[in-house]
Structure formats: C-alpha cells, structure tokens
Amino acid sequence: MLHKYKEIKRFEVTKDYSQIHMTNFMENSIVKGLPGFESIEMGLNSSNPDYDLVVISFTWESKEAFMNFKKSDAHLQSHKKRTPNPKILKYSATHFEVTDEWSQ
C-alpha cells in the first residue's frame, strides 16, 4: 500500500518578510502540476516578537513521487539559482509517510 508523503518546511523570518516569503512560495512554486503532487498548505505564526514563523506543508501521493521531484531537473535548477537570504533567520524541514488520516 502506498502512503501519502509529507514535507514540512519551517522558516523563521524577519517580521517584514513573512508575507513576501509566503507570496513567493505560492506564486513561484515549481511543484504545481507535477506528477504525484497533491497540495500545499501554508501557515503563519506571528506571536514571537523577534520573528515570524512560516510553515509550509507539501503533500505528495507517495514517497516515490516526492523523490522523483527532488531528483528532477526543475528542482535541481531551482536550487542552483538560490542565494542566501538574510531575512530567513532559520530553516528546517521534516519528511514523513502519512500512516493514518481522519477527517470529518
């Protein structure tokens, strides 16, 4: 049985950058329309006085679909163009298979 696969990216960004960062992700994401890609969810927590927390969750139909994306030319090229952004204070990511799901 194939399980959906999630990638959760967590960004601590400067207060003046959170909306720009979220807009950039939604408008320039290369995952839209790719085989196996299902959805993006985005959240913002502004409660910390020192930074905003932007969390972006990507859902893929399977780990295989996610890995195919990570190895794709489009993904590799997008990372070659990237330069360090001083407005991103901290970044982390986690990945996991969705083993159970419940909704109402």
N, C-alpha and C. Protein backbone atom coordinates (compact mmCIF):
# COMPACT_ATOMS: atom_id res chain seq x y z
N MET A 1 0.83 -1.18 0.00
CA MET A 1 0.00 0.00 0.00
C MET A 1 0.88 1.25 0.00
N LEU A 2 0.61 2.16 -0.94
CA LEU A 2 1.34 3.43 -0.98
C LEU A 2 0.72 4.41 0.00
N HIS A 3 1.56 5.10 0.72
CA HIS A 3 1.10 6.12 1.67
C HIS A 3 1.41 7.50 1.09
N LYS A 4 0.55 8.44 1.39
CA LYS A 4 0.87 9.82 1.05
C LYS A 4 2.15 10.20 1.76
N TYR A 5 2.82 11.20 1.23
CA TYR A 5 4.10 11.63 1.78
C TYR A 5 4.06 13.14 2.01
N LYS A 6 4.60 13.57 3.14
CA LYS A 6 4.58 14.99 3.52
C LYS A 6 6.00 15.53 3.65
N GLU A 7 6.15 16.76 3.24
CA GLU A 7 7.35 17.53 3.54
C GLU A 7 6.86 18.79 4.26
N ILE A 8 7.39 19.04 5.45
CA ILE A 8 7.03 20.22 6.22
C ILE A 8 8.28 21.10 6.32
N LYS A 9 8.18 22.31 5.76
CA LYS A 9 9.28 23.27 5.83
C LYS A 9 8.92 24.33 6.86
N ARG A 10 9.88 24.67 7.70
CA ARG A 10 9.67 25.64 8.78
C ARG A 10 10.70 26.75 8.63
N PHE A 11 10.20 27.98 8.48
CA PHE A 11 11.07 29.14 8.29
C PHE A 11 10.83 30.15 9.41
N GLU A 12 11.87 30.56 10.09
CA GLU A 12 11.80 31.72 10.97
C GLU A 12 12.32 32.88 10.14
N VAL A 13 11.47 33.89 9.94
CA VAL A 13 11.82 35.01 9.05
C VAL A 13 11.62 36.33 9.79
N THR A 14 12.27 37.37 9.27
CA THR A 14 12.09 38.69 9.86
C THR A 14 10.64 39.13 9.71
N LYS A 15 10.20 39.97 10.62
CA LYS A 15 8.80 40.41 10.67
C LYS A 15 8.36 41.05 9.35
N ASP A 16 9.26 41.75 8.67
CA ASP A 16 8.89 42.44 7.44
C ASP A 16 8.90 41.52 6.21
N TYR A 17 9.24 40.24 6.40
CA TYR A 17 9.43 39.35 5.25
C TYR A 17 8.39 38.23 5.14
N SER A 18 7.61 37.97 6.15
CA SER A 18 6.74 36.79 6.14
C SER A 18 5.75 36.80 4.98
N GLN A 19 5.07 37.90 4.74
CA GLN A 19 4.09 37.94 3.66
C GLN A 19 4.76 37.81 2.29
N ILE A 20 5.91 38.43 2.12
CA ILE A 20 6.66 38.31 0.87
C ILE A 20 7.07 36.86 0.64
N HIS A 21 7.58 36.22 1.68
CA HIS A 21 8.03 34.83 1.58
C HIS A 21 6.87 33.91 1.20
N MET A 22 5.74 34.09 1.85
CA MET A 22 4.58 33.24 1.56
C MET A 22 4.07 33.48 0.14
N THR A 23 4.01 34.72 -0.29
CA THR A 23 3.57 35.03 -1.65
C THR A 23 4.52 34.43 -2.67
N ASN A 24 5.83 34.57 -2.43
CA ASN A 24 6.82 33.99 -3.35
C ASN A 24 6.63 32.49 -3.49
N PHE A 25 6.40 31.80 -2.38
CA PHE A 25 6.21 30.35 -2.43
C PHE A 25 4.98 29.98 -3.25
N MET A 26 3.89 30.68 -3.02
CA MET A 26 2.65 30.34 -3.72
C MET A 26 2.72 30.69 -5.20
N GLU A 27 3.34 31.80 -5.54
CA GLU A 27 3.36 32.24 -6.94
C GLU A 27 4.47 31.58 -7.75
N ASN A 28 5.55 31.19 -7.12
CA ASN A 28 6.71 30.68 -7.86
C ASN A 28 7.02 29.21 -7.62
N SER A 29 6.14 28.51 -6.93
CA SER A 29 6.41 27.11 -6.63
C SER A 29 6.45 26.28 -7.91
N ILE A 30 7.47 25.47 -8.03
CA ILE A 30 7.61 24.64 -9.23
C ILE A 30 6.89 23.31 -9.11
N VAL A 31 6.28 23.03 -7.97
CA VAL A 31 5.64 21.73 -7.77
C VAL A 31 4.24 21.65 -8.37
N LYS A 32 3.60 22.78 -8.57
CA LYS A 32 2.23 22.78 -9.07
C LYS A 32 2.15 22.07 -10.41
N GLY A 33 1.25 21.10 -10.49
CA GLY A 33 1.05 20.36 -11.73
C GLY A 33 2.01 19.21 -11.97
N LEU A 34 2.94 18.98 -11.07
CA LEU A 34 3.89 17.88 -11.25
C LEU A 34 3.22 16.54 -10.92
N PRO A 35 3.67 15.47 -11.56
CA PRO A 35 3.10 14.15 -11.26
C PRO A 35 3.27 13.80 -9.78
N GLY A 36 2.17 13.41 -9.16
CA GLY A 36 2.21 12.98 -7.77
C GLY A 36 2.04 14.09 -6.76
N PHE A 37 2.11 15.34 -7.19
CA PHE A 37 1.91 16.44 -6.25
C PHE A 37 0.43 16.62 -5.98
N GLU A 38 0.07 16.78 -4.69
CA GLU A 38 -1.34 16.93 -4.32
C GLU A 38 -1.70 18.31 -3.80
N SER A 39 -0.93 18.85 -2.85
CA SER A 39 -1.35 20.14 -2.28
C SER A 39 -0.23 20.82 -1.50
N ILE A 40 -0.43 22.13 -1.30
CA ILE A 40 0.40 22.94 -0.41
C ILE A 40 -0.53 23.56 0.63
N GLU A 41 -0.10 23.51 1.88
CA GLU A 41 -0.78 24.25 2.95
C GLU A 41 0.25 25.17 3.57
N MET A 42 -0.18 26.37 3.94
CA MET A 42 0.74 27.34 4.49
C MET A 42 0.16 27.94 5.76
N GLY A 43 1.03 28.15 6.75
CA GLY A 43 0.59 28.76 8.00
C GLY A 43 1.56 29.83 8.45
N LEU A 44 1.04 30.77 9.24
CA LEU A 44 1.84 31.87 9.76
C LEU A 44 1.56 32.03 11.25
N ASN A 45 2.63 32.10 12.03
CA ASN A 45 2.51 32.38 13.46
C ASN A 45 3.36 33.63 13.73
N SER A 46 2.70 34.70 14.13
CA SER A 46 3.38 35.97 14.38
C SER A 46 3.51 36.29 15.86
N SER A 47 3.33 35.30 16.72
CA SER A 47 3.29 35.55 18.17
C SER A 47 4.66 35.88 18.78
N ASN A 48 5.75 35.46 18.15
CA ASN A 48 7.07 35.75 18.69
C ASN A 48 7.46 37.18 18.32
N PRO A 49 7.93 37.98 19.27
CA PRO A 49 8.27 39.37 18.95
C PRO A 49 9.52 39.51 18.07
N ASP A 50 10.33 38.45 17.97
CA ASP A 50 11.60 38.54 17.25
C ASP A 50 11.54 38.05 15.80
N TYR A 51 10.57 37.21 15.48
CA TYR A 51 10.48 36.66 14.12
C TYR A 51 9.06 36.16 13.88
N ASP A 52 8.75 35.94 12.61
CA ASP A 52 7.51 35.25 12.22
C ASP A 52 7.87 33.83 11.82
N LEU A 53 7.00 32.91 12.13
CA LEU A 53 7.18 31.51 11.76
C LEU A 53 6.26 31.21 10.58
N VAL A 54 6.86 30.81 9.46
CA VAL A 54 6.11 30.39 8.28
C VAL A 54 6.31 28.89 8.14
N VAL A 55 5.20 28.16 8.09
CA VAL A 55 5.24 26.71 7.94
C VAL A 55 4.54 26.36 6.63
N ILE A 56 5.22 25.56 5.81
CA ILE A 56 4.67 25.16 4.52
C ILE A 56 4.68 23.64 4.46
N SER A 57 3.51 23.08 4.18
CA SER A 57 3.34 21.63 4.12
C SER A 57 3.01 21.22 2.69
N PHE A 58 3.80 20.33 2.16
CA PHE A 58 3.58 19.78 0.82
C PHE A 58 3.08 18.35 0.96
N THR A 59 2.05 18.00 0.23
CA THR A 59 1.54 16.63 0.24
C THR A 59 1.75 16.02 -1.15
N TRP A 60 2.33 14.83 -1.15
CA TRP A 60 2.59 14.06 -2.37
C TRP A 60 1.82 12.76 -2.29
N GLU A 61 1.50 12.18 -3.42
CA GLU A 61 0.72 10.93 -3.41
C GLU A 61 1.54 9.77 -2.86
N SER A 62 2.88 9.89 -2.89
CA SER A 62 3.74 8.81 -2.38
C SER A 62 5.15 9.35 -2.16
N LYS A 63 5.94 8.59 -1.43
CA LYS A 63 7.35 8.95 -1.25
C LYS A 63 8.07 8.91 -2.59
N GLU A 64 7.71 7.95 -3.42
CA GLU A 64 8.33 7.84 -4.75
C GLU A 64 8.10 9.11 -5.57
N ALA A 65 6.89 9.65 -5.54
CA ALA A 65 6.59 10.89 -6.28
C ALA A 65 7.44 12.04 -5.74
N PHE A 66 7.57 12.12 -4.42
CA PHE A 66 8.40 13.17 -3.80
C PHE A 66 9.85 13.01 -4.23
N MET A 67 10.38 11.80 -4.16
CA MET A 67 11.78 11.57 -4.52
C MET A 67 12.03 11.86 -6.00
N ASN A 68 11.07 11.54 -6.85
CA ASN A 68 11.20 11.87 -8.27
C ASN A 68 11.30 13.38 -8.46
N PHE A 69 10.51 14.12 -7.72
CA PHE A 69 10.58 15.58 -7.77
C PHE A 69 11.96 16.06 -7.30
N LYS A 70 12.45 15.55 -6.18
CA LYS A 70 13.73 16.00 -5.63
C LYS A 70 14.89 15.76 -6.61
N LYS A 71 14.77 14.72 -7.43
CA LYS A 71 15.82 14.40 -8.40
C LYS A 71 15.61 15.08 -9.75
N SER A 72 14.49 15.77 -9.91
CA SER A 72 14.15 16.35 -11.22
C SER A 72 15.05 17.53 -11.57
N ASP A 73 15.20 17.76 -12.87
CA ASP A 73 15.98 18.91 -13.34
C ASP A 73 15.39 20.22 -12.82
N ALA A 74 14.06 20.32 -12.81
CA ALA A 74 13.41 21.55 -12.35
C ALA A 74 13.80 21.87 -10.90
N HIS A 75 13.79 20.86 -10.05
CA HIS A 75 14.16 21.08 -8.64
C HIS A 75 15.64 21.42 -8.51
N LEU A 76 16.49 20.66 -9.19
CA LEU A 76 17.93 20.91 -9.09
C LEU A 76 18.29 22.30 -9.61
N GLN A 77 17.67 22.72 -10.72
CA GLN A 77 17.94 24.05 -11.28
C GLN A 77 17.47 25.16 -10.34
N SER A 78 16.34 24.95 -9.68
CA SER A 78 15.82 25.98 -8.77
C SER A 78 16.76 26.22 -7.60
N HIS A 79 17.49 25.20 -7.19
CA HIS A 79 18.42 25.36 -6.07
C HIS A 79 19.75 25.95 -6.52
N LYS A 80 20.11 25.80 -7.79
CA LYS A 80 21.35 26.41 -8.29
C LYS A 80 21.26 27.92 -8.29
N LYS A 81 20.06 28.45 -8.49
CA LYS A 81 19.86 29.90 -8.59
C LYS A 81 19.76 30.57 -7.22
N ARG A 82 19.59 29.79 -6.19
CA ARG A 82 19.32 30.34 -4.86
C ARG A 82 20.58 30.94 -4.22
N THR A 83 20.39 32.10 -3.61
CA THR A 83 21.46 32.73 -2.83
C THR A 83 20.96 32.89 -1.40
N PRO A 84 21.86 32.96 -0.43
CA PRO A 84 21.43 33.11 0.97
C PRO A 84 20.58 34.37 1.14
N ASN A 85 19.52 34.24 1.92
CA ASN A 85 18.62 35.36 2.18
C ASN A 85 18.73 35.73 3.66
N PRO A 86 19.24 36.92 3.97
CA PRO A 86 19.41 37.31 5.37
C PRO A 86 18.09 37.48 6.13
N LYS A 87 16.98 37.53 5.41
CA LYS A 87 15.67 37.66 6.06
C LYS A 87 15.14 36.32 6.55
N ILE A 88 15.75 35.22 6.08
CA ILE A 88 15.42 33.89 6.60
C ILE A 88 16.42 33.60 7.71
N LEU A 89 15.94 33.63 8.93
CA LEU A 89 16.81 33.51 10.10
C LEU A 89 17.14 32.07 10.43
N LYS A 90 16.20 31.16 10.16
CA LYS A 90 16.39 29.75 10.48
C LYS A 90 15.47 28.93 9.59
N TYR A 91 15.95 27.76 9.18
CA TYR A 91 15.17 26.88 8.31
C TYR A 91 15.35 25.44 8.77
N SER A 92 14.27 24.69 8.72
CA SER A 92 14.35 23.25 8.95
C SER A 92 13.25 22.57 8.14
N ALA A 93 13.44 21.29 7.90
CA ALA A 93 12.44 20.51 7.16
C ALA A 93 12.37 19.12 7.75
N THR A 94 11.20 18.54 7.65
CA THR A 94 11.00 17.16 8.05
C THR A 94 10.13 16.48 7.01
N HIS A 95 10.28 15.17 6.91
CA HIS A 95 9.57 14.38 5.91
C HIS A 95 9.00 13.14 6.58
N PHE A 96 7.82 12.72 6.14
CA PHE A 96 7.24 11.51 6.72
C PHE A 96 6.14 10.95 5.84
N GLU A 97 5.92 9.64 5.98
CA GLU A 97 4.79 8.99 5.34
C GLU A 97 3.57 9.15 6.22
N VAL A 98 2.44 9.44 5.60
CA VAL A 98 1.18 9.55 6.33
C VAL A 98 0.65 8.13 6.51
N THR A 99 0.60 7.67 7.75
CA THR A 99 0.17 6.29 8.01
C THR A 99 -1.31 6.18 8.31
N ASP A 100 -1.90 7.24 8.83
CA ASP A 100 -3.33 7.26 9.12
C ASP A 100 -3.85 8.66 8.84
N GLU A 101 -5.11 8.73 8.49
CA GLU A 101 -5.73 10.02 8.21
C GLU A 101 -7.18 9.97 8.66
N TRP A 102 -7.65 11.04 9.27
CA TRP A 102 -9.02 11.10 9.73
C TRP A 102 -9.56 12.47 9.41
N SER A 103 -10.76 12.54 8.90
CA SER A 103 -11.41 13.83 8.67
C SER A 103 -12.90 13.69 8.90
N GLN A 104 -13.54 14.79 9.10
CA GLN A 104 -14.97 14.78 9.39
C GLN A 104 -15.73 15.45 8.28
